[in-house]
């Protein structure tokens, strides 16, 4: 989630987008008459869940993140190839010893309420994100920052405890959004005030949320549409029907079967994009039977990941280890059980003193992504053959996120967002002082040391070797059970142009999308 001393490795060469062109679809009426009057028309995006928060520092739900990316700005951004590029910071420079990062801010940027953006807003934002009381989900990404200084209105200096190669990329996520120093969380949960290409228009809870073009946006190009409506439709198949009838123009599907149905109708185009996101069975090593590494390893050995992929996603994707970014990709064959081994699973259960089996209470999200329940049911069937009972509790997406953030689960069937840099993906989870370590349920001195080493060098070959060791530590201890990385399927009607799907799953290119 920057062309300074550090840069994220571009992943364009390893990520392809296959676009299958189909024929036409009818247009939809503008959902916001005021926006339509501005010119540019209206785009309706079908989503299966309502944003569970509008406060960017605490957003983890995919829909919330996608909405907030279009309302708020960050110091750095990712381009379409996931290179780090300037955002609200137009440039930055590191000190010779790597212990200082100086950012030069864009001038003339304003928030949605018309107030000016400057270094005091950056300092206030970063200080609050680092404050444990804020409970910001990206706090660990600023672990190297000792202090933030604002020597003048257009300059911010971060004093670091040591070199941090991951920092520019970590600053690009919406969980690091820059807020006005005058704003509070209470205010922003109902009235977002960002520097993004859109501002909040109308919201009808559980039905729709409309964004309106920000004509004062600092970017060289203003958004091409007058408004974007995120329309909540309970399931992906119903979204296809809405697209076929001309009421929705864009949607991103997770279910390949739904994507095939959409494409087969001949009125919708579908772009297939490999994802950094990964499907995973998260295990909380701080709870119940899962405190024993042998139980966790038994579960790992009892699962045929390819069977999960084939059952839930029609084989669309690949079995994965922890690291999904091409520059750091893990080898899934380097794990205690690269293929299913029920005999070894039984041996691990015997070592745990549980030869008769165990029960693991497992939460599952229904609605946040389409394949979750099928994944859970397949995992339950496979593990039952190893005398491991997954006691499934299916929750709507908001309830799932609440339980997940509170670490109120033994296991969780999850789709987690991946990032171009491994520290951004996992530093907050698997370090002992990571702010999501309670959710991850696992850390060790070895991992703390490895993550520190991974940030301390910008040599990509050295970093790859370090994160290979991180992956091995996670797999050898069955911290979680990584399953597969799949695709997203971006469906558009014929009258939509200019949207760019991203391997991160971001909808940031709604700003370049037009409707004819």
Protein backbone atom coordinates (compact mmCIF):
# COMPACT_ATOMS: atom_id res chain seq x y z
CA UNK A 1 0.00 0.00 0.00
CA UNK A 2 8.25 8.09 -4.74
CA UNK A 3 11.39 8.48 -6.47
CA UNK A 4 13.56 9.18 -3.48
CA UNK A 5 16.46 7.24 -2.08
CA UNK A 6 14.21 4.16 -2.01
CA UNK A 7 11.65 2.88 -4.48
CA UNK A 8 9.32 -0.08 -4.60
CA UNK A 9 10.15 -2.58 -7.30
CA UNK A 10 7.67 -2.33 -10.17
CA UNK A 11 5.65 -5.44 -10.77
CA UNK A 12 4.34 -4.76 -14.23
CA UNK A 13 6.54 -7.36 -15.89
CA UNK A 14 5.17 -10.10 -13.70
CA UNK A 15 1.53 -9.06 -13.68
CA UNK A 16 -0.60 -9.28 -16.82
CA UNK A 17 -4.06 -7.99 -17.46
CA UNK A 18 -6.11 -10.04 -19.90
CA UNK A 19 -8.98 -8.03 -21.32
CA UNK A 20 -11.75 -9.81 -23.14
CA UNK A 21 -13.81 -7.41 -25.20
CA UNK A 22 -17.54 -7.93 -25.57
CA UNK A 23 -20.32 -5.83 -27.01
CA UNK A 24 -22.56 -3.10 -25.77
CA UNK A 25 -24.60 -2.28 -22.73
CA UNK A 26 -27.11 0.46 -22.14
CA UNK A 27 -26.20 3.55 -20.20
CA UNK A 28 -27.53 4.44 -16.78
CA UNK A 29 -29.10 7.67 -15.64
CA UNK A 30 -27.01 9.97 -13.49
CA UNK A 31 -27.47 9.10 -9.83
CA UNK A 32 -26.60 12.62 -8.67
CA UNK A 33 -28.30 15.37 -10.69
CA UNK A 34 -25.97 18.02 -9.26
CA UNK A 35 -22.93 16.03 -10.33
CA UNK A 36 -24.39 15.42 -13.77
CA UNK A 37 -24.89 19.15 -14.20
CA UNK A 38 -21.16 19.64 -13.73
CA UNK A 39 -20.55 17.48 -16.79
CA UNK A 40 -18.86 14.13 -17.05
CA UNK A 41 -21.88 12.01 -16.20
CA UNK A 42 -22.23 9.53 -13.38
CA UNK A 43 -20.65 6.13 -12.80
CA UNK A 44 -22.42 3.48 -10.73
CA UNK A 45 -20.18 0.84 -9.13
CA UNK A 46 -21.78 -2.32 -7.77
CA UNK A 47 -20.45 -3.51 -4.39
CA UNK A 48 -21.65 -6.29 -2.10
CA UNK A 49 -21.11 -4.50 1.22
CA UNK A 50 -21.48 -1.05 2.71
CA UNK A 51 -18.30 0.66 4.01
CA UNK A 52 -17.99 -0.19 7.70
CA UNK A 53 -16.08 3.03 8.46
CA UNK A 54 -15.24 6.35 6.82
CA UNK A 55 -12.23 6.99 9.04
CA UNK A 56 -9.16 6.11 6.94
CA UNK A 57 -6.74 5.26 9.74
CA UNK A 58 -8.93 2.36 10.89
CA UNK A 59 -10.22 1.02 7.57
CA UNK A 60 -9.53 -2.66 6.87
CA UNK A 61 -12.68 -3.69 4.97
CA UNK A 62 -12.12 -3.72 1.19
CA UNK A 63 -15.14 -1.55 0.33
CA UNK A 64 -14.20 1.06 2.92
CA UNK A 65 -10.61 1.18 1.67
CA UNK A 66 -11.74 1.56 -1.95
CA UNK A 67 -14.09 4.43 -1.10
CA UNK A 68 -11.58 6.23 1.11
CA UNK A 69 -8.78 5.99 -1.48
CA UNK A 70 -10.87 8.32 -3.61
CA UNK A 71 -11.57 10.81 -0.82
CA UNK A 72 -8.15 11.16 0.80
CA UNK A 73 -4.58 11.79 -0.27
CA UNK A 74 -1.32 10.22 0.90
CA UNK A 75 2.24 11.50 0.88
CA UNK A 76 3.24 8.90 -1.71
CA UNK A 77 1.14 6.87 -4.13
CA UNK A 78 1.38 3.71 -6.23
CA UNK A 79 1.18 4.00 -9.99
CA UNK A 80 -0.53 1.36 -12.14
CA UNK A 81 2.62 -0.82 -12.02
CA UNK A 82 2.85 -0.47 -8.21
CA UNK A 83 5.92 1.74 -8.32
CA UNK A 84 5.98 4.34 -5.54
CA UNK A 85 5.47 7.83 -6.99
CA UNK A 86 4.90 11.31 -5.55
CA UNK A 87 1.57 12.13 -3.96
CA UNK A 88 1.09 15.00 -1.54
CA UNK A 89 4.87 14.95 -1.22
CA UNK A 90 6.26 15.97 -4.61
CA UNK A 91 9.75 14.76 -3.70
CA UNK A 92 11.80 13.34 -0.83
CA UNK A 93 15.40 12.74 0.06
CA UNK A 94 17.14 10.57 2.64
CA UNK A 95 20.12 11.63 4.74
CA UNK A 96 23.46 9.94 4.10
CA UNK A 97 23.16 7.68 7.10
CA UNK A 98 19.55 6.81 6.29
CA UNK A 99 18.32 8.29 9.56
CA UNK A 100 16.42 11.21 8.10
CA UNK A 101 13.76 11.50 5.43
CA UNK A 102 12.96 15.00 4.17
CA UNK A 103 9.73 15.46 2.21
CA UNK A 104 8.88 18.50 0.10
CA UNK A 105 5.12 19.02 -0.03
CA UNK A 106 2.97 20.18 -2.92
CA UNK A 107 1.82 23.76 -2.64
CA UNK A 108 -1.70 24.96 -3.28
CA UNK A 109 -3.39 21.76 -2.06
CA UNK A 110 -6.65 22.17 -0.17
CA UNK A 111 -8.93 19.90 1.81
CA UNK A 112 -12.55 19.36 0.82
CA UNK A 113 -13.63 22.06 3.30
CA UNK A 114 -11.39 24.60 1.54
CA UNK A 115 -8.68 24.79 4.21
CA UNK A 116 -5.04 24.69 3.09
CA UNK A 117 -2.89 21.55 3.40
CA UNK A 118 0.60 22.10 4.80
CA UNK A 119 3.34 20.56 6.93
CA UNK A 120 1.44 21.04 10.20
CA UNK A 121 -1.25 18.70 8.88
CA UNK A 122 1.39 16.11 7.99
CA UNK A 123 3.04 16.37 11.39
CA UNK A 124 -0.31 16.13 13.20
CA UNK A 125 -1.38 13.16 11.08
CA UNK A 126 1.83 11.15 11.53
CA UNK A 127 2.03 11.95 15.25
CA UNK A 128 -1.54 10.74 15.75
CA UNK A 129 -1.02 7.58 13.67
CA UNK A 130 2.01 6.77 15.85
CA UNK A 131 0.04 7.38 19.05
CA UNK A 132 -1.09 4.00 20.36
CA UNK A 133 -4.30 5.57 21.70
CA UNK A 134 -5.41 6.34 18.13
CA UNK A 135 -5.50 2.59 17.33
CA UNK A 136 -4.44 3.28 13.74
CA UNK A 137 -4.01 0.03 11.81
CA UNK A 138 -0.81 1.27 10.12
CA UNK A 139 0.97 2.41 13.28
CA UNK A 140 3.67 -0.28 13.00
CA UNK A 141 4.63 1.02 9.56
CA UNK A 142 6.02 4.12 11.31
CA UNK A 143 8.01 2.14 13.88
CA UNK A 144 11.29 3.59 12.59
CA UNK A 145 10.10 7.20 12.97
CA UNK A 146 11.45 8.83 16.15
CA UNK A 147 10.03 12.29 15.54
CA UNK A 148 8.31 14.45 12.93
CA UNK A 149 9.38 18.05 12.37
CA UNK A 150 7.84 20.79 10.24
CA UNK A 151 10.60 23.41 9.70
CA UNK A 152 8.41 25.34 7.26
CA UNK A 153 4.96 25.02 5.67
CA UNK A 154 6.22 23.00 2.71
CA UNK A 155 8.78 20.73 4.39
CA UNK A 156 8.50 17.75 6.73
CA UNK A 157 11.50 15.96 8.24
CA UNK A 158 11.17 12.44 9.66
CA UNK A 159 13.92 11.50 12.08
CA UNK A 160 14.44 7.75 11.94
CA UNK A 161 16.01 5.23 14.27
CA UNK A 162 17.75 3.72 11.24
CA UNK A 163 17.35 3.23 7.47
CA UNK A 164 13.85 2.15 6.44
CA UNK A 165 13.62 0.92 2.86
CA UNK A 166 9.92 0.16 3.24
CA UNK A 167 8.83 3.59 4.45
CA UNK A 168 8.09 5.33 1.11
CA UNK A 169 5.86 2.43 0.05
CA UNK A 170 4.18 2.26 3.46
CA UNK A 171 3.28 5.94 3.22
CA UNK A 172 1.23 5.22 0.08
CA UNK A 173 -1.63 3.34 1.77
CA UNK A 174 -4.92 5.02 2.66
CA UNK A 175 -4.33 3.99 6.28
CA UNK A 176 -1.67 6.73 6.13
CA UNK A 177 -4.08 9.35 4.75
CA UNK A 178 -3.23 12.96 5.54
CA UNK A 179 -5.93 14.65 7.62
CA UNK A 180 -6.44 18.27 8.55
CA UNK A 181 -4.91 19.03 11.94
CA UNK A 182 -8.25 20.62 12.88
CA UNK A 183 -10.29 17.45 12.30
CA UNK A 184 -11.28 14.74 14.75
CA UNK A 185 -12.18 11.07 14.28
CA UNK A 186 -15.70 11.81 15.51
CA UNK A 187 -16.22 14.42 12.79
CA UNK A 188 -14.61 12.41 9.98
CA UNK A 189 -16.70 9.29 10.58
CA UNK A 190 -19.68 11.21 9.16
CA UNK A 191 -18.04 14.03 7.17
CA UNK A 192 -14.83 13.01 5.38
CA UNK A 193 -12.48 15.91 4.66
CA UNK A 194 -9.69 14.83 2.37
CA UNK A 195 -7.53 16.06 -0.50
CA UNK A 196 -8.59 13.35 -2.97
CA UNK A 197 -10.17 13.54 -6.42
CA UNK A 198 -13.67 13.20 -4.98
CA UNK A 199 -15.64 14.49 -1.99
CA UNK A 200 -18.52 12.81 -0.17
CA UNK A 201 -21.92 13.51 -1.67
CA UNK A 202 -24.94 11.58 -0.39
CA UNK A 203 -24.96 8.44 1.74
CA UNK A 204 -27.89 6.11 2.37
CA UNK A 205 -26.61 3.49 4.86
CA UNK A 206 -26.69 -0.09 3.54
CA UNK A 207 -27.89 1.16 0.15
CA UNK A 208 -25.51 3.60 -1.52
CA UNK A 209 -22.71 6.11 -1.11
CA UNK A 210 -22.08 8.79 -3.72
CA UNK A 211 -18.83 10.65 -4.32
CA UNK A 212 -18.77 13.98 -6.15
CA UNK A 213 -15.91 15.24 -8.28
CA UNK A 214 -13.51 17.54 -6.41
CA UNK A 215 -12.89 20.38 -8.85
CA UNK A 216 -10.15 21.72 -6.54
CA UNK A 217 -8.19 18.48 -6.63
CA UNK A 218 -4.44 19.13 -6.97
CA UNK A 219 -3.83 16.52 -9.68
CA UNK A 220 -3.10 17.61 -13.23
CA UNK A 221 -6.35 15.95 -14.31
CA UNK A 222 -9.63 16.28 -12.43
CA UNK A 223 -11.90 13.24 -12.24
CA UNK A 224 -13.64 12.65 -15.55
CA UNK A 225 -17.04 11.79 -14.11
CA UNK A 226 -19.20 14.15 -12.10
CA UNK A 227 -20.02 11.49 -9.53
CA UNK A 228 -19.38 7.88 -8.55
CA UNK A 229 -22.09 5.96 -6.73
CA UNK A 230 -21.14 2.82 -4.81
CA UNK A 231 -24.42 0.89 -4.88
CA UNK A 232 -24.80 -1.94 -2.37
CA UNK A 233 -26.18 -5.11 -4.00
CA UNK A 234 -26.06 -8.21 -1.78
CA UNK A 235 -24.35 -10.69 -4.11
CA UNK A 236 -22.23 -10.68 -7.23
CA UNK A 237 -24.79 -12.48 -9.41
CA UNK A 238 -27.32 -9.74 -8.67
CA UNK A 239 -24.71 -7.15 -9.66
CA UNK A 240 -24.38 -8.88 -13.04
CA UNK A 241 -28.15 -8.56 -13.52
CA UNK A 242 -27.96 -4.88 -12.63
CA UNK A 243 -25.19 -4.39 -15.20
CA UNK A 244 -27.15 -6.21 -17.88
CA UNK A 245 -30.13 -3.94 -17.24
CA UNK A 246 -27.95 -0.82 -17.43
CA UNK A 247 -28.29 0.23 -13.78
CA UNK A 248 -24.63 -0.46 -12.88
CA UNK A 249 -21.62 0.24 -15.11
CA UNK A 250 -18.64 -1.18 -13.20
CA UNK A 251 -17.99 -3.92 -10.66
CA UNK A 252 -15.06 -5.97 -9.43
CA UNK A 253 -15.81 -9.66 -8.90
CA UNK A 254 -13.91 -12.28 -6.93
CA UNK A 255 -15.89 -15.29 -8.13
CA UNK A 256 -14.65 -16.57 -11.51
CA UNK A 257 -17.98 -18.28 -12.17
CA UNK A 258 -19.80 -14.96 -11.83
CA UNK A 259 -17.20 -13.35 -14.11
CA UNK A 260 -17.82 -16.05 -16.73
CA UNK A 261 -21.55 -15.47 -16.47
CA UNK A 262 -21.11 -11.73 -16.90
CA UNK A 263 -18.86 -12.15 -19.90
CA UNK A 264 -21.04 -14.81 -21.49
CA UNK A 265 -23.99 -12.48 -21.79
CA UNK A 266 -22.25 -10.53 -24.54
CA UNK A 267 -22.95 -7.09 -23.07
CA UNK A 268 -20.13 -6.75 -20.55
CA UNK A 269 -16.32 -6.66 -20.86
CA UNK A 270 -14.24 -8.40 -18.19
CA UNK A 271 -10.58 -7.72 -17.32
CA UNK A 272 -8.80 -10.48 -15.38
CA UNK A 273 -6.04 -9.21 -13.06
CA UNK A 274 -3.68 -11.30 -10.89
CA UNK A 275 -3.71 -10.11 -7.31
CA UNK A 276 -1.22 -9.55 -4.52
CA UNK A 277 -4.10 -10.33 -2.14
CA UNK A 278 -4.04 -13.83 -0.68
CA UNK A 279 -6.57 -16.30 0.68
CA UNK A 280 -5.51 -17.64 4.05
CA UNK A 281 -6.67 -19.64 7.05
CA UNK A 282 -5.52 -17.45 9.91
CA UNK A 283 -4.66 -19.29 13.10
CA UNK A 284 -4.58 -17.51 16.46
CA UNK A 285 -1.66 -19.15 18.26
CA UNK A 286 -2.69 -17.47 21.50
CA UNK A 287 -5.95 -19.37 21.83
CA UNK A 288 -7.07 -22.87 22.75
CA UNK A 289 -5.66 -25.87 20.93
CA UNK A 290 -3.77 -23.61 18.53
CA UNK A 291 -1.28 -22.63 21.22
CA UNK A 292 0.45 -25.92 20.36
CA UNK A 293 2.55 -25.63 17.21
CA UNK A 294 1.96 -29.33 16.55
CA UNK A 295 -1.79 -28.76 16.20
CA UNK A 296 -1.15 -25.92 13.77
CA UNK A 297 1.28 -28.06 11.77
CA UNK A 298 -1.26 -30.90 11.72
CA UNK A 299 -3.77 -28.52 10.15
CA UNK A 300 -1.21 -27.34 7.61
CA UNK A 301 -0.38 -30.91 6.57
CA UNK A 302 -4.04 -31.94 6.32
CA UNK A 303 -4.92 -29.37 3.65
CA UNK A 304 -4.61 -29.77 -0.10
CA UNK A 305 -4.40 -26.12 -1.14
CA UNK A 306 -4.93 -26.90 -4.82
CA UNK A 307 -8.22 -28.56 -3.91
CA UNK A 308 -9.33 -25.39 -2.11
CA UNK A 309 -8.36 -23.32 -5.15
CA UNK A 310 -10.13 -25.67 -7.56
CA UNK A 311 -13.28 -25.91 -5.44
CA UNK A 312 -13.70 -22.26 -4.46
CA UNK A 313 -12.17 -20.45 -7.45
CA UNK A 314 -12.36 -22.93 -10.35
CA UNK A 315 -8.55 -23.24 -10.28
CA UNK A 316 -8.21 -19.56 -11.18
CA UNK A 317 -5.03 -18.58 -9.36
CA UNK A 318 -1.99 -20.26 -7.84
CA UNK A 319 -1.07 -21.88 -4.55
CA UNK A 320 0.98 -19.36 -2.60
CA UNK A 321 3.31 -18.91 0.33
CA UNK A 322 3.35 -15.78 2.49
CA UNK A 323 5.01 -13.38 0.02
CA UNK A 324 2.89 -12.68 -3.05
CA UNK A 325 4.69 -9.68 -4.60
CA UNK A 326 6.67 -10.88 -7.64
CA UNK A 327 9.97 -9.41 -6.43
CA UNK A 328 9.70 -11.29 -3.12
CA UNK A 329 7.52 -14.29 -3.99
CA UNK A 330 7.75 -17.26 -1.64
CA UNK A 331 8.23 -20.81 -2.90
CA UNK A 332 5.17 -22.77 -1.66
CA UNK A 333 7.15 -26.01 -1.97
CA UNK A 334 9.41 -24.90 0.89
CA UNK A 335 7.02 -25.66 3.72
CA UNK A 336 6.70 -28.58 6.15
CA UNK A 337 3.98 -30.19 4.00
CA UNK A 338 4.11 -28.88 0.44
CA UNK A 339 1.48 -31.49 -0.46
CA UNK A 340 -1.28 -32.98 1.66
CA UNK A 341 0.03 -35.62 4.08
CA UNK A 342 -2.58 -37.10 6.42
CA UNK A 343 -0.06 -39.46 8.02
CA UNK A 344 2.15 -36.56 9.01
CA UNK A 345 -0.92 -34.65 10.25
CA UNK A 346 -1.76 -37.60 12.50
CA UNK A 347 1.84 -37.66 13.80
CA UNK A 348 1.64 -33.97 14.71
CA UNK A 349 -1.67 -34.47 16.53
CA UNK A 350 -0.11 -37.36 18.46
CA UNK A 351 2.82 -35.12 19.43
CA UNK A 352 0.28 -32.60 20.71
CA UNK A 353 -1.33 -35.34 22.82
CA UNK A 354 -4.51 -35.07 20.74
CA UNK A 355 -4.66 -38.30 18.73
CA UNK A 356 -8.45 -38.25 18.92
CA UNK A 357 -8.61 -34.86 17.22
CA UNK A 358 -9.43 -31.23 18.05
CA UNK A 359 -12.15 -28.66 17.41
CA UNK A 360 -11.24 -25.19 16.16
CA UNK A 361 -13.85 -22.44 16.16
CA UNK A 362 -13.55 -20.56 12.87
CA UNK A 363 -15.14 -17.32 11.67
CA UNK A 364 -16.07 -16.79 8.02
CA UNK A 365 -17.14 -13.58 6.26
CA UNK A 366 -20.20 -13.72 4.05
CA UNK A 367 -20.54 -10.86 1.62
CA UNK A 368 -17.09 -9.27 1.72
CA UNK A 369 -15.79 -11.62 -0.97
CA UNK A 370 -17.60 -14.28 -2.94
CA UNK A 371 -15.52 -17.44 -2.41
CA UNK A 372 -15.29 -17.35 1.39
CA UNK A 373 -18.03 -19.81 2.31
CA UNK A 374 -17.00 -22.33 -0.35
CA UNK A 375 -13.40 -22.13 0.90
CA UNK A 376 -14.53 -22.69 4.47
CA UNK A 377 -16.68 -25.67 3.60
CA UNK A 378 -13.90 -27.31 1.61
CA UNK A 379 -11.40 -26.72 4.43
CA UNK A 380 -13.87 -28.20 6.92
CA UNK A 381 -14.33 -31.34 4.78
CA UNK A 382 -10.59 -31.83 4.29
CA UNK A 383 -9.66 -31.28 7.93
CA UNK A 384 -12.42 -33.62 9.12
CA UNK A 385 -10.47 -36.46 7.49
CA UNK A 386 -7.62 -35.62 9.86
CA UNK A 387 -9.92 -35.55 12.93
CA UNK A 388 -9.81 -31.75 13.01
CA UNK A 389 -13.25 -30.18 13.25
CA UNK A 390 -13.63 -26.63 11.96
CA UNK A 391 -16.64 -25.28 13.83
CA UNK A 392 -17.71 -22.62 11.33
CA UNK A 393 -19.45 -19.37 12.27
CA UNK A 394 -20.55 -17.42 9.20
CA UNK A 395 -20.83 -13.66 9.82
CA UNK A 396 -21.84 -10.68 7.71
CA UNK A 397 -18.81 -8.62 6.73
CA UNK A 398 -19.13 -5.88 9.37
CA UNK A 399 -19.47 -8.37 12.22
CA UNK A 400 -16.54 -10.37 10.81
CA UNK A 401 -14.29 -7.29 10.73
CA UNK A 402 -15.25 -6.39 14.31
CA UNK A 403 -14.39 -9.89 15.54
CA UNK A 404 -11.21 -9.94 13.45
CA UNK A 405 -9.89 -6.61 14.71
CA UNK A 406 -10.59 -7.70 18.28
CA UNK A 407 -8.76 -11.02 17.65
CA UNK A 408 -11.92 -12.70 18.88
CA UNK A 409 -11.44 -15.95 16.97
CA UNK A 410 -9.46 -19.18 17.05
CA UNK A 411 -9.23 -19.32 13.25
CA UNK A 412 -10.51 -17.12 10.44
CA UNK A 413 -11.03 -17.79 6.74
CA UNK A 414 -9.81 -14.54 5.24
CA UNK A 415 -8.83 -12.67 2.11
CA UNK A 416 -6.01 -10.32 3.08
CA UNK A 417 -4.71 -7.40 1.08
CA UNK A 418 -1.19 -7.79 -0.25
CA UNK A 419 1.32 -5.00 -0.88
CA UNK A 420 4.37 -4.55 -3.09
CA UNK A 421 6.65 -4.45 -0.04
CA UNK A 422 6.69 -7.38 2.46
CA UNK A 423 7.18 -5.10 5.44
CA UNK A 424 3.94 -3.33 4.61
CA UNK A 425 2.21 -6.69 4.24
CA UNK A 426 3.45 -8.34 7.42
CA UNK A 427 5.48 -6.02 9.69
CA UNK A 428 2.37 -4.90 11.54
CA UNK A 429 1.23 -8.51 12.00
CA UNK A 430 4.24 -10.60 12.94
CA UNK A 431 6.54 -8.33 14.95
CA UNK A 432 6.17 -8.36 18.71
CA UNK A 433 5.33 -4.65 18.79
CA UNK A 434 3.23 -4.71 15.62
CA UNK A 435 -0.13 -3.06 16.20
CA UNK A 436 -1.96 -6.01 14.57
CA UNK A 437 0.11 -8.66 16.30
CA UNK A 438 -2.86 -9.46 18.52
CA UNK A 439 -4.80 -10.32 15.35
CA UNK A 440 -1.92 -12.35 13.90
CA UNK A 441 -1.45 -14.29 17.12
CA UNK A 442 2.20 -15.06 16.48
CA UNK A 443 5.60 -13.37 16.80
CA UNK A 444 9.14 -14.37 17.75
CA UNK A 445 12.54 -12.76 18.41
CA UNK A 446 13.73 -14.27 15.13
CA UNK A 447 10.98 -12.50 13.20
CA UNK A 448 11.62 -9.21 14.98
CA UNK A 449 15.27 -9.42 13.93
CA UNK A 450 14.45 -10.36 10.34
CA UNK A 451 11.91 -7.58 9.83
CA UNK A 452 14.40 -5.06 11.21
CA UNK A 453 17.04 -6.34 8.78
CA UNK A 454 14.57 -6.18 5.90
CA UNK A 455 13.99 -2.47 6.42
CA UNK A 456 17.63 -1.62 7.03
CA UNK A 457 18.82 -2.24 3.46
CA UNK A 458 17.57 -1.15 0.07
CA UNK A 459 19.53 -3.88 -1.73
CA UNK A 460 16.74 -5.87 -3.36
CA UNK A 461 18.64 -9.17 -3.52
CA UNK A 462 19.49 -8.90 0.16
CA UNK A 463 15.91 -8.06 1.02
CA UNK A 464 14.62 -11.04 -0.98
CA UNK A 465 16.89 -13.37 1.00
CA UNK A 466 15.72 -11.84 4.29
CA UNK A 467 12.03 -12.20 3.47
CA UNK A 468 12.61 -15.78 2.32
CA UNK A 469 13.72 -16.40 5.91
CA UNK A 470 10.62 -14.61 7.19
CA UNK A 471 8.46 -16.88 5.07
CA UNK A 472 10.28 -19.97 6.35
CA UNK A 473 9.79 -18.91 9.98
CA UNK A 474 6.08 -18.37 9.38
CA UNK A 475 5.60 -21.65 7.51
CA UNK A 476 7.72 -23.81 9.84
CA UNK A 477 5.61 -22.63 12.77
CA UNK A 478 2.32 -22.67 10.86
CA UNK A 479 1.59 -19.15 12.03
CA UNK A 480 -1.15 -19.08 9.38
CA UNK A 481 -1.98 -21.43 6.54
CA UNK A 482 -1.52 -19.62 3.23
CA UNK A 483 -3.79 -21.04 0.54
CA UNK A 484 -3.79 -19.29 -2.82
CA UNK A 485 -3.59 -15.97 -4.65
CA UNK A 486 -6.33 -15.43 -7.18
CA UNK A 487 -7.64 -12.83 -9.59
CA UNK A 488 -10.07 -9.99 -9.63
CA UNK A 489 -12.43 -9.63 -12.55
CA UNK A 490 -13.26 -6.04 -13.44
CA UNK A 491 -16.54 -5.90 -15.33
CA UNK A 492 -17.50 -2.80 -17.30
CA UNK A 493 -20.30 -1.91 -19.67
CA UNK A 494 -19.45 -0.68 -23.15
CA UNK A 495 -19.91 2.99 -22.27
CA UNK A 496 -17.14 2.93 -19.64
CA UNK A 497 -13.58 3.89 -20.61
CA UNK A 498 -10.31 4.57 -18.84
CA UNK A 499 -10.49 2.40 -15.72
CA UNK A 500 -7.18 0.70 -14.86
CA UNK A 501 -7.38 -2.47 -12.70
CA UNK A 502 -4.50 -2.88 -10.24
CA UNK A 503 -2.81 -5.93 -8.74
CA UNK A 504 -3.37 -4.40 -5.31
CA UNK A 505 -7.13 -4.36 -5.87
CA UNK A 506 -7.19 -0.56 -5.61
CA UNK A 507 -9.93 1.46 -7.32
CA UNK A 508 -7.79 4.60 -7.40
CA UNK A 509 -8.19 4.88 -11.16
CA UNK A 510 -11.85 5.78 -10.84
CA UNK A 511 -10.39 9.26 -11.27
CA UNK A 512 -9.46 8.45 -14.89
CA UNK A 513 -12.71 6.65 -15.72
CA UNK A 514 -15.30 8.20 -18.02
CA UNK A 515 -18.84 7.26 -19.06
CA UNK A 516 -20.11 8.07 -22.53
